[in-house]
N, C-alpha and C. Protein backbone atom coordinates (compact mmCIF):
# COMPACT_ATOMS: atom_id res chain seq x y z
N UNK A 1 -118.65 14.97 -32.83
CA UNK A 1 -119.19 16.32 -32.85
C UNK A 1 -120.52 16.31 -33.60
N UNK A 2 -121.52 16.73 -32.93
CA UNK A 2 -122.84 16.80 -33.53
C UNK A 2 -123.13 18.23 -33.96
N UNK A 3 -123.73 18.38 -35.13
CA UNK A 3 -124.07 19.74 -35.57
C UNK A 3 -125.18 20.30 -34.69
N UNK A 4 -125.09 21.58 -34.48
CA UNK A 4 -126.12 22.24 -33.67
C UNK A 4 -127.40 22.32 -34.48
N UNK A 5 -128.48 21.95 -33.85
CA UNK A 5 -129.76 22.04 -34.54
C UNK A 5 -130.32 23.44 -34.37
N UNK A 6 -130.69 24.02 -35.48
CA UNK A 6 -131.27 25.35 -35.45
C UNK A 6 -132.69 25.24 -35.98
N UNK A 7 -133.60 25.81 -35.23
CA UNK A 7 -134.99 25.79 -35.70
C UNK A 7 -135.18 26.93 -36.69
N UNK A 8 -135.84 26.63 -37.78
CA UNK A 8 -136.10 27.62 -38.81
C UNK A 8 -137.56 28.02 -38.71
N UNK A 9 -137.77 29.32 -38.63
CA UNK A 9 -139.14 29.81 -38.51
C UNK A 9 -139.87 29.64 -39.83
N UNK A 10 -141.20 29.56 -39.79
CA UNK A 10 -141.98 29.40 -41.03
C UNK A 10 -141.75 30.53 -42.03
N UNK A 11 -141.52 31.75 -41.56
CA UNK A 11 -141.30 32.85 -42.50
C UNK A 11 -139.97 32.69 -43.23
N UNK A 12 -138.98 32.13 -42.53
CA UNK A 12 -137.70 31.88 -43.19
C UNK A 12 -137.83 30.75 -44.20
N UNK A 13 -138.65 29.76 -43.90
CA UNK A 13 -138.86 28.66 -44.84
C UNK A 13 -139.53 29.17 -46.12
N UNK A 14 -140.52 30.02 -45.98
CA UNK A 14 -141.21 30.53 -47.17
C UNK A 14 -140.29 31.45 -47.97
N UNK A 15 -139.43 32.20 -47.28
CA UNK A 15 -138.47 33.05 -47.98
C UNK A 15 -137.47 32.21 -48.75
N UNK A 16 -136.99 31.13 -48.12
CA UNK A 16 -136.04 30.25 -48.79
C UNK A 16 -136.70 29.56 -49.97
N UNK A 17 -137.94 29.16 -49.82
CA UNK A 17 -138.66 28.50 -50.91
C UNK A 17 -138.86 29.48 -52.07
N UNK A 18 -139.24 30.72 -51.77
CA UNK A 18 -139.44 31.72 -52.82
C UNK A 18 -138.12 32.01 -53.53
N UNK A 19 -137.04 32.12 -52.78
CA UNK A 19 -135.73 32.37 -53.39
C UNK A 19 -135.32 31.20 -54.28
N UNK A 20 -135.61 30.01 -53.86
CA UNK A 20 -135.31 28.83 -54.67
C UNK A 20 -136.10 28.81 -55.96
N UNK A 21 -137.36 29.17 -55.88
CA UNK A 21 -138.21 29.19 -57.07
C UNK A 21 -137.76 30.27 -58.05
N UNK A 22 -137.36 31.42 -57.53
CA UNK A 22 -136.85 32.49 -58.39
C UNK A 22 -135.55 32.04 -59.05
N UNK A 23 -134.70 31.36 -58.30
CA UNK A 23 -133.45 30.85 -58.86
C UNK A 23 -133.70 29.85 -59.97
N UNK A 24 -134.67 28.98 -59.79
CA UNK A 24 -135.01 28.00 -60.82
C UNK A 24 -135.54 28.71 -62.06
N UNK A 25 -136.39 29.71 -61.87
CA UNK A 25 -136.93 30.45 -63.01
C UNK A 25 -135.82 31.15 -63.79
N UNK A 26 -134.87 31.75 -63.08
CA UNK A 26 -133.75 32.41 -63.75
C UNK A 26 -132.90 31.39 -64.50
N UNK A 27 -132.68 30.23 -63.91
CA UNK A 27 -131.89 29.19 -64.57
C UNK A 27 -132.58 28.71 -65.84
N UNK A 28 -133.88 28.52 -65.78
CA UNK A 28 -134.62 28.07 -66.97
C UNK A 28 -134.57 29.13 -68.06
N UNK A 29 -134.76 30.40 -67.69
CA UNK A 29 -134.69 31.47 -68.68
C UNK A 29 -133.29 31.57 -69.28
N UNK A 30 -132.28 31.36 -68.46
CA UNK A 30 -130.90 31.41 -68.95
C UNK A 30 -130.65 30.33 -69.98
N UNK A 31 -131.27 29.18 -69.80
CA UNK A 31 -131.08 28.09 -70.75
C UNK A 31 -131.95 28.24 -72.00
N UNK A 32 -133.16 28.76 -71.84
CA UNK A 32 -134.11 28.80 -72.96
C UNK A 32 -133.94 30.06 -73.80
N UNK A 33 -133.61 31.19 -73.21
CA UNK A 33 -133.53 32.44 -73.95
C UNK A 33 -132.56 32.38 -75.13
N UNK A 34 -131.34 31.89 -74.98
CA UNK A 34 -130.45 31.82 -76.15
C UNK A 34 -131.01 30.93 -77.25
N UNK A 35 -131.62 29.81 -76.89
CA UNK A 35 -132.20 28.93 -77.90
C UNK A 35 -133.33 29.63 -78.64
N UNK A 36 -134.14 30.38 -77.92
CA UNK A 36 -135.25 31.10 -78.55
C UNK A 36 -134.73 32.18 -79.49
N UNK A 37 -133.69 32.89 -79.10
CA UNK A 37 -133.12 33.94 -79.94
C UNK A 37 -132.51 33.33 -81.20
N UNK A 38 -131.80 32.23 -81.06
CA UNK A 38 -131.20 31.56 -82.22
C UNK A 38 -132.30 31.06 -83.16
N UNK A 39 -133.32 30.46 -82.61
CA UNK A 39 -134.41 29.96 -83.44
C UNK A 39 -135.13 31.10 -84.15
N UNK A 40 -135.34 32.20 -83.46
CA UNK A 40 -136.03 33.34 -84.06
C UNK A 40 -135.19 33.97 -85.16
N UNK A 41 -133.88 34.13 -84.91
CA UNK A 41 -133.03 34.82 -85.87
C UNK A 41 -132.70 33.95 -87.07
N UNK A 42 -132.75 32.64 -86.94
CA UNK A 42 -132.38 31.78 -88.05
C UNK A 42 -133.57 31.34 -88.88
N UNK A 43 -134.76 31.59 -88.45
CA UNK A 43 -135.93 31.12 -89.17
C UNK A 43 -136.59 32.19 -89.99
N UNK A 44 -136.87 31.88 -91.29
CA UNK A 44 -137.69 32.76 -92.11
C UNK A 44 -136.99 33.94 -92.72
N UNK A 45 -135.69 34.00 -92.72
CA UNK A 45 -134.99 35.12 -93.32
C UNK A 45 -134.50 34.71 -94.70
N UNK A 46 -135.34 34.93 -95.74
CA UNK A 46 -135.01 34.51 -97.10
C UNK A 46 -134.20 35.55 -97.85
N UNK A 47 -134.05 36.76 -97.34
CA UNK A 47 -133.35 37.80 -98.06
C UNK A 47 -131.83 37.63 -98.01
N UNK A 48 -131.31 36.87 -97.05
CA UNK A 48 -129.88 36.66 -96.93
C UNK A 48 -129.49 35.35 -97.60
N UNK A 49 -128.27 35.28 -98.13
CA UNK A 49 -127.80 34.00 -98.66
C UNK A 49 -127.67 32.97 -97.55
N UNK A 50 -127.50 31.72 -97.94
CA UNK A 50 -127.46 30.65 -96.94
C UNK A 50 -126.29 30.80 -95.98
N UNK A 51 -125.24 31.51 -96.36
CA UNK A 51 -124.10 31.72 -95.48
C UNK A 51 -124.36 32.72 -94.38
N UNK A 52 -125.40 33.51 -94.52
CA UNK A 52 -125.74 34.47 -93.48
C UNK A 52 -125.19 35.87 -93.73
N UNK A 53 -124.42 36.03 -94.83
CA UNK A 53 -123.90 37.35 -95.13
C UNK A 53 -123.85 37.51 -96.65
N UNK A 54 -123.83 38.76 -97.10
CA UNK A 54 -123.82 39.02 -98.53
C UNK A 54 -122.40 39.16 -99.02
N UNK A 55 -122.08 38.52 -100.15
CA UNK A 55 -120.76 38.63 -100.75
C UNK A 55 -120.72 39.86 -101.63
N UNK A 56 -119.57 40.56 -101.68
CA UNK A 56 -119.47 41.73 -102.55
C UNK A 56 -119.54 41.29 -104.03
N UNK A 57 -120.15 42.10 -104.84
CA UNK A 57 -120.30 41.81 -106.26
C UNK A 57 -119.06 42.24 -107.02
N UNK A 58 -118.60 41.42 -107.97
CA UNK A 58 -117.45 41.79 -108.82
C UNK A 58 -117.90 42.80 -109.86
N UNK A 59 -117.06 43.80 -110.14
CA UNK A 59 -117.39 44.84 -111.11
C UNK A 59 -116.91 44.50 -112.51
N UNK A 60 -116.26 43.37 -112.69
CA UNK A 60 -115.80 42.95 -114.01
C UNK A 60 -114.47 43.58 -114.40
N UNK A 61 -113.68 44.02 -113.48
CA UNK A 61 -112.38 44.62 -113.80
C UNK A 61 -111.33 43.57 -113.91
């Protein structure tokens, strides 16, 4: 059984190529965006303790 050959018009090829490029861009953003957010949120914040949260202060009771 041989597969039927279907001719693809040039407009369909350009549409498929554009869809592929958009898919690649979305995939790259999906991989890079979380890393960028983590790097941004973890860098340069000196007001918080190294644990990332403030411990309650004891009142001496």
